[in-house]
Amino acid sequence: MQQTYRDRGVQALVVDVMETPEVAKGWAERWKFSFPVLHDPDGTATSPWAPPDAVPDLPRDQVPIASNLIIDPAGKIRFYSLLDSANFDAKLIALQARLDELLAQDGQ
């Protein structure tokens, strides 16, 4: 996805949440991402991005685990999905459809 959208001003990131640095590094090396992998060992940086109505019984610092977001340049969440094992979207079809829609609105 990074290769598909980078020329349109999109930056893909992975944030490894609430794991040790060793686990985070091993995971990033295993998948060989072509974009930055950030580390949030205690969930402090990512918990503010957890929408208040997403999985209300889950602690806010755990909501971003296994979620996908599109955040616009102003910092507004424009797409949010939480891992749903019953309807798993491994190819991120819904995310890409929303991203294409947003980019078309911006003339990109």
Protein backbone atom coordinates (compact mmCIF):
# COMPACT_ATOMS: atom_id res chain seq x y z
CA MET A 1 0.00 0.00 0.00
CA GLN A 2 2.91 2.35 0.74
CA GLN A 3 4.16 1.96 -2.83
CA THR A 4 0.69 2.53 -4.28
CA TYR A 5 -0.05 5.77 -2.43
CA ARG A 6 3.27 7.43 -1.58
CA ASP A 7 3.27 9.57 -4.74
CA ARG A 8 -0.11 10.91 -3.65
CA GLY A 9 1.18 12.23 -0.32
CA VAL A 10 0.17 9.27 1.82
CA GLN A 11 2.50 7.95 4.51
CA ALA A 12 1.90 4.45 5.87
CA LEU A 13 3.09 3.67 9.39
CA VAL A 14 2.90 0.74 11.73
CA VAL A 15 2.82 1.40 15.44
CA ASP A 16 3.72 -1.59 17.57
CA VAL A 17 1.76 -1.12 20.78
CA MET A 18 2.50 -2.52 24.23
CA GLU A 19 5.26 -4.95 23.35
CA THR A 20 8.90 -5.08 24.35
CA PRO A 21 11.44 -3.48 22.01
CA GLU A 22 12.78 -6.95 21.18
CA VAL A 23 9.36 -8.26 20.16
CA ALA A 24 8.61 -5.11 18.15
CA LYS A 25 11.94 -5.30 16.33
CA GLY A 26 11.52 -9.01 15.55
CA TRP A 27 8.03 -8.43 14.21
CA ALA A 28 9.19 -5.55 11.97
CA GLU A 29 12.12 -7.58 10.64
CA ARG A 30 9.91 -10.60 9.95
CA TRP A 31 7.47 -8.63 7.78
CA LYS A 32 10.14 -6.44 6.10
CA PHE A 33 7.96 -3.35 5.87
CA SER A 34 9.02 -0.66 3.40
CA PHE A 35 7.71 2.09 5.70
CA PRO A 36 8.41 3.20 9.28
CA VAL A 37 7.57 0.96 12.21
CA LEU A 38 7.16 2.98 15.39
CA HIS A 39 7.11 1.60 18.92
CA ASP A 40 4.68 2.59 21.70
CA PRO A 41 5.68 0.26 24.55
CA ASP A 42 3.02 1.40 27.02
CA GLY A 43 0.21 2.64 24.73
CA THR A 44 0.65 6.27 25.79
CA ALA A 45 1.14 7.66 22.29
CA THR A 46 -1.62 5.68 20.60
CA SER A 47 -4.39 5.71 23.21
CA PRO A 48 -5.55 9.26 22.30
CA TRP A 49 -6.35 7.94 18.80
CA ALA A 50 -8.79 5.34 20.14
CA PRO A 51 -12.33 6.46 19.23
CA PRO A 52 -14.43 6.60 22.41
CA ASP A 53 -17.11 4.24 21.10
CA ALA A 54 -14.71 1.56 19.84
CA VAL A 55 -14.88 -1.57 21.97
CA PRO A 56 -16.04 0.26 25.10
CA ASP A 57 -15.07 -2.54 27.48
CA LEU A 58 -11.43 -2.51 26.33
CA PRO A 59 -8.94 -0.16 28.04
CA ARG A 60 -8.19 2.87 25.82
CA ASP A 61 -4.49 1.99 25.57
CA GLN A 62 -5.41 -1.40 24.05
CA VAL A 63 -7.93 -0.21 21.44
CA PRO A 64 -5.28 0.76 18.85
CA ILE A 65 -3.88 -2.78 18.89
CA ALA A 66 -4.89 -4.38 15.58
CA SER A 67 -6.66 -1.33 14.25
CA ASN A 68 -6.30 0.62 11.02
CA LEU A 69 -6.71 4.36 10.77
CA ILE A 70 -6.56 7.07 8.15
CA ILE A 71 -5.58 10.34 9.78
CA ASP A 72 -5.70 13.45 7.61
CA PRO A 73 -3.02 16.19 7.66
CA ALA A 74 -5.08 18.13 10.24
CA GLY A 75 -5.01 15.14 12.61
CA LYS A 76 -8.66 14.16 12.10
CA ILE A 77 -9.50 10.44 11.95
CA ARG A 78 -11.15 9.84 8.58
CA PHE A 79 -11.31 6.03 8.78
CA TYR A 80 -11.13 3.59 11.66
CA SER A 81 -11.41 -0.18 11.73
CA LEU A 82 -10.69 -2.59 14.52
CA LEU A 83 -9.55 -6.15 13.90
CA ASP A 84 -12.64 -8.25 13.38
CA SER A 85 -11.69 -11.91 13.06
CA ALA A 86 -15.14 -12.80 11.69
CA ASN A 87 -14.82 -10.25 8.86
CA PHE A 88 -11.04 -9.97 8.53
CA ASP A 89 -9.98 -7.59 5.76
CA ALA A 90 -6.39 -8.74 5.17
CA LYS A 91 -6.10 -6.78 1.93
CA LEU A 92 -7.43 -3.60 3.58
CA ILE A 93 -10.10 -3.24 0.91
CA ALA A 94 -12.33 -0.98 3.03
CA LEU A 95 -9.39 1.21 4.05
CA GLN A 96 -8.20 1.59 0.46
CA ALA A 97 -11.71 2.41 -0.76
CA ARG A 98 -11.99 5.18 1.85
CA LEU A 99 -8.50 6.44 1.06
CA ASP A 100 -9.30 6.59 -2.66
CA GLU A 101 -12.49 8.49 -1.83
CA LEU A 102 -10.63 11.01 0.34
CA LEU A 103 -7.89 11.52 -2.22
CA ALA A 104 -10.47 12.06 -4.98
CA GLN A 105 -12.14 14.73 -2.82
CA ASP A 106 -8.76 16.46 -2.54
CA GLY A 107 -8.16 16.18 -6.28
CA GLN A 108 -5.35 13.65 -6.03
